[in-house]
Amino acid sequence: MFAAALLAVTCFACVVAAIELSGADWPWRGPRTAILLWQAIGLSWGIAAIGTLLGFGLSPYGRGVAWGLVDLVIDIANHRVIAKVGWFHLGVTAAGLVLGGILLFMLAAAGADVLRARRRHRSLLALVGHGDPEVPGALVVDHPAATAYCVPGVRAHIVVSAGALRLLDQAELAAVLAHERTHARWRHDLVLLPFNALRRMLPASQVAGDAERSVGLLVEMSADDGAARGARRPLATALLRIGAAGGGAPCGALGAGGGEVVMRVNRLLRPAPALPARARLTALVAAVALVAVPIVLLCLPL
């Protein structure tokens, strides 16, 4: 029971941490560090939420969650689980297992949807995309809207529209391609997937929605940083040009996002000092602790 109470506190602390982090400004100075912290918060919340229900449900055994599950399996095999646990605690335990199953199912479903959409997109690109000597290593789509985006995967594709080629100069185009290659190299699609799954599971939750939006913006800022070394102004002007041109940009495309584009442009043109090493180390320690605490609580016989 004590472990279950501590897991409940951990779950609540993760929600508070998510609210605070979504409203903080420091993540803009270190988007990759903030993304790591967001991932730790999400993982810790999931483990703690499941563990809280299992901890209360298995409390009659008095041996914690991990050993309580072992005892439960033994009692089920010996047909004495109701006498040992009771219907109420068995129901709470089942709720914890169901919650874990739902979280895994939603993650798998979100991943399957992304893979299906990606396969359809690749099939379309095979029909309408073509190479161009101006953009080696990228596919060009003959579309008047100015856009550029990455189709991620083991063999990622960088896609640029004909409208973008007409709109951007050589330096801006190079910065745009570097931005999209950063997305592909760091597999930002996998970073976003769990937060998309959580938002789909909890569509009415403002915290889940804010988490997905915050991580999405940090991913774009992280790609900006990867592309902007020595090319901050060309990337900023490319963002402004594509954003002003508008029209039909796919979700996740460079320049899509309205007011977020202004934030990114201001950040590129007026960069704040990078996070000091002490702050990055503190965030790393916090991320490790966030994940370790619920795991330890699950294993201890409390």
Protein backbone atom coordinates (compact mmCIF):
# COMPACT_ATOMS: atom_id res chain seq x y z
CA MET A 1 0.00 0.00 0.00
CA PHE A 2 2.88 2.38 0.79
CA ALA A 3 4.40 1.84 -2.68
CA ALA A 4 1.03 2.48 -4.30
CA ALA A 5 0.72 5.78 -2.44
CA LEU A 6 4.20 6.83 -3.53
CA LEU A 7 3.40 5.85 -7.13
CA ALA A 8 0.25 7.98 -6.97
CA VAL A 9 2.35 10.92 -5.77
CA THR A 10 4.80 10.29 -8.63
CA CYS A 11 1.95 10.25 -11.13
CA PHE A 12 0.64 13.57 -9.81
CA ALA A 13 4.16 15.04 -9.81
CA CYS A 14 4.55 14.11 -13.49
CA VAL A 15 1.36 16.00 -14.36
CA VAL A 16 2.59 19.06 -12.44
CA ALA A 17 5.99 18.80 -14.13
CA ALA A 18 4.32 18.61 -17.56
CA ILE A 19 2.26 21.73 -16.85
CA GLU A 20 5.32 23.64 -15.65
CA LEU A 21 7.50 22.49 -18.55
CA SER A 22 4.90 23.39 -21.19
CA GLY A 23 4.85 26.96 -19.89
CA ALA A 24 8.59 27.40 -19.39
CA ASP A 25 10.89 29.41 -21.68
CA TRP A 26 14.19 27.65 -20.95
CA PRO A 27 13.42 24.66 -23.24
CA TRP A 28 13.91 27.00 -26.23
CA ARG A 29 17.55 27.38 -25.17
CA GLY A 30 18.08 23.62 -25.13
CA PRO A 31 15.37 21.85 -27.12
CA ARG A 32 17.11 18.46 -27.19
CA THR A 33 17.54 18.53 -23.40
CA ALA A 34 13.88 19.51 -22.97
CA ILE A 35 12.74 16.73 -25.32
CA LEU A 36 14.62 14.20 -23.18
CA LEU A 37 12.89 15.57 -20.08
CA TRP A 38 9.48 15.39 -21.80
CA GLN A 39 10.13 11.75 -22.71
CA ALA A 40 11.07 10.95 -19.11
CA ILE A 41 7.92 12.66 -17.80
CA GLY A 42 5.70 10.72 -20.19
CA LEU A 43 7.32 7.36 -19.44
CA SER A 44 7.31 7.97 -15.70
CA TRP A 45 3.64 8.97 -15.77
CA GLY A 46 2.66 5.81 -17.65
CA ILE A 47 4.59 3.51 -15.31
CA ALA A 48 3.34 5.32 -12.19
CA ALA A 49 -0.32 5.35 -13.33
CA ILE A 50 -0.29 1.61 -14.02
CA GLY A 51 1.71 0.92 -10.86
CA THR A 52 -0.68 2.91 -8.67
CA LEU A 53 -3.63 0.74 -9.66
CA LEU A 54 -1.63 -2.47 -9.38
CA GLY A 55 -0.20 -1.39 -6.02
CA PHE A 56 -3.61 -0.79 -4.48
CA GLY A 57 -5.06 -3.90 -6.09
CA LEU A 58 -2.28 -6.15 -4.84
CA SER A 59 -1.99 -4.56 -1.39
CA PRO A 60 -3.54 -7.59 0.40
CA TYR A 61 -0.35 -9.50 -0.35
CA GLY A 62 1.76 -6.83 1.36
CA ARG A 63 4.78 -7.59 -0.86
CA GLY A 64 4.71 -4.75 -3.36
CA VAL A 65 3.72 -4.78 -7.01
CA ALA A 66 6.27 -7.11 -8.59
CA TRP A 67 6.06 -9.83 -5.94
CA GLY A 68 2.32 -9.25 -5.63
CA LEU A 69 1.87 -10.11 -9.30
CA VAL A 70 3.83 -13.32 -8.76
CA ASP A 71 1.60 -14.22 -5.81
CA LEU A 72 -1.51 -13.37 -7.85
CA VAL A 73 -0.48 -15.70 -10.68
CA ILE A 74 0.18 -18.51 -8.18
CA ASP A 75 -3.21 -17.99 -6.51
CA ILE A 76 -4.98 -17.91 -9.88
CA ALA A 77 -3.32 -21.21 -10.78
CA ASN A 78 -4.44 -22.68 -7.42
CA HIS A 79 -8.00 -21.25 -7.75
CA ARG A 80 -7.81 -19.32 -4.50
CA VAL A 81 -7.41 -15.77 -5.73
CA ILE A 82 -10.81 -14.52 -4.52
CA ALA A 83 -10.25 -15.83 -1.01
CA LYS A 84 -6.83 -14.13 -0.87
CA VAL A 85 -7.51 -10.85 -2.68
CA GLY A 86 -11.24 -10.23 -2.87
CA TRP A 87 -13.33 -8.90 -5.74
CA PHE A 88 -12.60 -5.21 -5.14
CA HIS A 89 -8.82 -5.55 -5.14
CA LEU A 90 -8.99 -7.96 -8.06
CA GLY A 91 -10.99 -5.37 -10.01
CA VAL A 92 -8.45 -2.62 -9.26
CA THR A 93 -5.64 -4.94 -10.35
CA ALA A 94 -7.50 -5.72 -13.57
CA ALA A 95 -7.95 -1.97 -14.16
CA GLY A 96 -4.18 -1.48 -13.88
CA LEU A 97 -3.51 -4.27 -16.37
CA VAL A 98 -6.16 -2.89 -18.73
CA LEU A 99 -4.64 0.59 -18.52
CA GLY A 100 -1.25 -0.85 -19.43
CA GLY A 101 -2.81 -2.70 -22.34
CA ILE A 102 -4.59 0.42 -23.56
CA LEU A 103 -1.39 2.49 -23.44
CA LEU A 104 0.48 -0.15 -25.45
CA PHE A 105 -2.43 -0.57 -27.88
CA MET A 106 -2.72 3.17 -28.52
CA LEU A 107 1.03 3.39 -29.11
CA ALA A 108 0.87 0.46 -31.53
CA ALA A 109 -2.22 1.90 -33.26
CA ALA A 110 -0.59 5.31 -33.69
CA GLY A 111 2.51 3.63 -35.09
CA ALA A 112 0.44 1.52 -37.50
CA ASP A 113 -1.46 4.59 -38.73
CA VAL A 114 1.81 6.43 -39.33
CA LEU A 115 3.27 3.47 -41.23
CA ARG A 116 0.16 3.16 -43.42
CA ALA A 117 0.15 6.88 -44.19
CA ARG A 118 3.88 6.76 -44.90
CA ARG A 119 3.48 3.83 -47.32
CA ARG A 120 0.71 5.66 -49.19
CA HIS A 121 2.84 8.79 -49.34
CA ARG A 122 5.83 6.87 -50.67
CA SER A 123 3.63 5.30 -53.34
CA LEU A 124 2.42 8.74 -54.42
CA LEU A 125 5.96 10.10 -54.45
CA ALA A 126 7.04 7.22 -56.70
CA LEU A 127 4.45 8.47 -59.20
CA VAL A 128 4.79 12.25 -58.96
CA GLY A 129 8.24 12.88 -57.44
CA HIS A 130 11.38 13.27 -59.49
CA GLY A 131 15.01 14.20 -59.00
CA ASP A 132 16.44 17.60 -59.76
CA PRO A 133 20.12 18.60 -60.04
CA GLU A 134 19.35 21.74 -58.00
CA VAL A 135 18.41 19.60 -54.98
CA PRO A 136 20.56 16.46 -55.00
CA GLY A 137 19.29 13.76 -52.69
CA ALA A 138 15.76 15.18 -52.58
CA LEU A 139 12.55 14.57 -54.52
CA VAL A 140 10.77 17.42 -56.26
CA VAL A 141 6.98 17.51 -56.55
CA ASP A 142 5.46 19.74 -59.22
CA HIS A 143 3.11 21.68 -56.97
CA PRO A 144 2.73 25.47 -56.83
CA ALA A 145 2.52 25.60 -53.00
CA ALA A 146 5.87 26.33 -51.36
CA THR A 147 6.69 23.53 -48.96
CA ALA A 148 9.42 21.14 -47.90
CA TYR A 149 9.16 18.14 -45.62
CA CYS A 150 10.67 14.82 -44.64
CA VAL A 151 9.11 11.39 -45.11
CA PRO A 152 10.99 9.57 -42.33
CA GLY A 153 12.02 5.96 -42.13
CA VAL A 154 15.04 3.73 -42.60
CA ARG A 155 15.35 5.27 -46.07
CA ALA A 156 14.05 8.79 -45.51
CA HIS A 157 12.98 11.03 -48.36
CA ILE A 158 13.31 14.81 -48.40
CA VAL A 159 10.55 16.35 -50.51
CA VAL A 160 10.58 19.88 -51.95
CA SER A 161 7.81 21.44 -54.02
CA ALA A 162 8.40 23.28 -57.26
CA GLY A 163 6.85 26.31 -55.56
CA ALA A 164 9.59 26.26 -52.94
CA LEU A 165 12.30 26.05 -55.60
CA ARG A 166 10.91 29.15 -57.29
CA LEU A 167 10.49 31.03 -54.01
CA LEU A 168 13.82 30.36 -52.23
CA ASP A 169 17.31 31.42 -53.14
CA GLN A 170 20.24 29.00 -53.02
CA ALA A 171 21.25 29.71 -49.41
CA GLU A 172 17.65 29.46 -48.17
CA LEU A 173 17.09 26.20 -50.04
CA ALA A 174 20.28 24.73 -48.54
CA ALA A 175 19.12 25.70 -45.05
CA VAL A 176 15.70 24.14 -45.66
CA LEU A 177 17.24 20.87 -46.86
CA ALA A 178 19.56 20.79 -43.84
CA HIS A 179 16.55 21.29 -41.55
CA GLU A 180 14.69 18.35 -43.07
CA ARG A 181 17.79 16.13 -43.06
CA THR A 182 18.14 16.84 -39.34
CA HIS A 183 14.58 15.54 -38.82
CA ALA A 184 15.48 12.38 -40.72
CA ARG A 185 18.83 11.86 -38.98
CA TRP A 186 17.50 12.29 -35.45
CA ARG A 187 14.27 10.33 -36.16
CA HIS A 188 12.01 13.02 -34.78
CA ASP A 189 9.01 11.00 -35.98
CA LEU A 190 9.75 8.46 -33.23
CA VAL A 191 10.06 11.26 -30.66
CA LEU A 192 6.58 12.54 -31.51
CA LEU A 193 4.84 9.15 -31.73
CA PRO A 194 4.25 8.48 -27.97
CA PHE A 195 2.88 11.99 -27.42
CA ASN A 196 0.55 11.62 -30.39
CA ALA A 197 -0.65 8.29 -28.97
CA LEU A 198 -1.24 9.84 -25.53
CA ARG A 199 -3.21 12.73 -27.04
CA ARG A 200 -5.34 10.25 -28.99
CA MET A 201 -5.96 8.27 -25.82
CA LEU A 202 -6.86 11.41 -23.82
CA PRO A 203 -8.36 13.78 -26.43
CA ALA A 204 -10.05 15.96 -23.80
CA SER A 205 -6.89 16.36 -21.70
CA GLN A 206 -5.33 19.80 -21.98
CA VAL A 207 -2.11 18.48 -20.45
CA ALA A 208 -1.79 15.79 -23.15
CA GLY A 209 -2.55 18.33 -25.88
CA ASP A 210 -0.05 20.84 -24.50
CA ALA A 211 2.59 18.11 -24.24
CA GLU A 212 2.16 17.12 -27.88
CA ARG A 213 2.29 20.75 -29.06
CA SER A 214 5.30 21.57 -26.88
CA VAL A 215 7.29 18.56 -28.06
CA GLY A 216 6.31 19.29 -31.67
CA LEU A 217 7.67 22.84 -31.38
CA LEU A 218 10.83 21.64 -29.64
CA VAL A 219 11.40 19.11 -32.41
CA GLU A 220 11.22 21.91 -34.99
CA MET A 221 13.58 24.07 -32.94
CA SER A 222 15.97 21.17 -32.60
CA ALA A 223 15.96 20.74 -36.39
CA ASP A 224 16.45 24.50 -36.75
CA ASP A 225 19.56 24.24 -34.57
CA GLY A 226 20.86 21.35 -36.64
CA ALA A 227 20.46 23.37 -39.83
CA ALA A 228 21.31 26.87 -38.66
CA ARG A 229 25.02 26.57 -37.88
CA GLY A 230 26.30 29.54 -39.87
CA ALA A 231 22.97 29.85 -41.71
CA ARG A 232 20.53 31.31 -39.20
CA ARG A 233 19.39 34.19 -41.38
CA PRO A 234 18.81 32.10 -44.55
CA LEU A 235 16.75 29.60 -42.54
CA ALA A 236 14.78 32.41 -40.88
CA THR A 237 14.01 34.10 -44.21
CA ALA A 238 13.06 30.73 -45.71
CA LEU A 239 10.61 30.16 -42.85
CA LEU A 240 9.10 33.59 -43.39
CA ARG A 241 8.85 33.15 -47.16
CA ILE A 242 7.22 29.73 -46.95
CA GLY A 243 4.96 30.83 -44.11
CA ALA A 244 3.84 33.91 -46.03
CA ALA A 245 3.26 31.90 -49.20
CA GLY A 246 1.04 29.44 -47.30
CA GLY A 247 -1.22 27.00 -49.04
CA GLY A 248 -1.45 23.28 -48.69
CA ALA A 249 1.58 22.45 -46.61
CA PRO A 250 1.35 18.94 -45.19
CA CYS A 251 1.37 18.43 -41.45
CA GLY A 252 4.93 18.74 -40.19
CA ALA A 253 6.15 20.63 -43.24
CA LEU A 254 8.64 23.44 -42.89
CA GLY A 255 6.73 26.66 -42.36
CA ALA A 256 3.48 25.01 -41.25
CA GLY A 257 2.31 26.11 -37.82
CA GLY A 258 1.25 29.75 -37.94
CA GLY A 259 2.37 31.61 -34.84
CA GLU A 260 5.02 29.01 -34.07
CA VAL A 261 6.89 30.14 -37.19
CA VAL A 262 7.25 33.62 -35.69
CA MET A 263 8.65 32.12 -32.47
CA ARG A 264 11.19 30.10 -34.43
CA VAL A 265 12.21 33.05 -36.61
CA ASN A 266 12.73 35.28 -33.56
CA ARG A 267 14.77 32.52 -31.94
CA LEU A 268 16.96 32.20 -35.03
CA LEU A 269 17.53 35.92 -35.47
CA ARG A 270 17.93 36.72 -31.76
CA PRO A 271 19.42 33.54 -30.26
CA ALA A 272 19.44 33.31 -26.47
CA PRO A 273 22.50 31.89 -24.70
CA ALA A 274 22.63 28.10 -24.78
CA LEU A 275 21.82 26.21 -21.61
CA PRO A 276 24.88 25.97 -19.37
CA ALA A 277 26.39 22.56 -18.76
CA ARG A 278 25.11 22.55 -15.16
CA ALA A 279 21.52 23.06 -16.32
CA ARG A 280 21.82 20.27 -18.91
CA LEU A 281 23.27 17.94 -16.28
CA THR A 282 20.47 18.81 -13.85
CA ALA A 283 17.86 18.04 -16.51
CA LEU A 284 19.58 14.74 -17.32
CA VAL A 285 19.65 13.72 -13.65
CA ALA A 286 15.99 14.71 -13.30
CA ALA A 287 15.07 12.63 -16.36
CA VAL A 288 16.88 9.56 -15.01
CA ALA A 289 15.28 10.00 -11.59
CA LEU A 290 11.80 10.40 -13.08
CA VAL A 291 12.07 7.05 -14.81
CA ALA A 292 13.97 5.24 -12.06
CA VAL A 293 11.67 6.17 -9.16
CA PRO A 294 8.49 4.37 -10.34
CA ILE A 295 10.49 1.35 -11.52
CA VAL A 296 12.17 1.03 -8.12
CA LEU A 297 8.81 1.43 -6.37
CA LEU A 298 7.37 -1.36 -8.50
CA CYS A 299 10.18 -3.70 -7.49
CA LEU A 300 10.47 -2.94 -3.78
CA PRO A 301 8.36 -5.06 -1.36
CA LEU A 302 6.59 -2.05 0.16
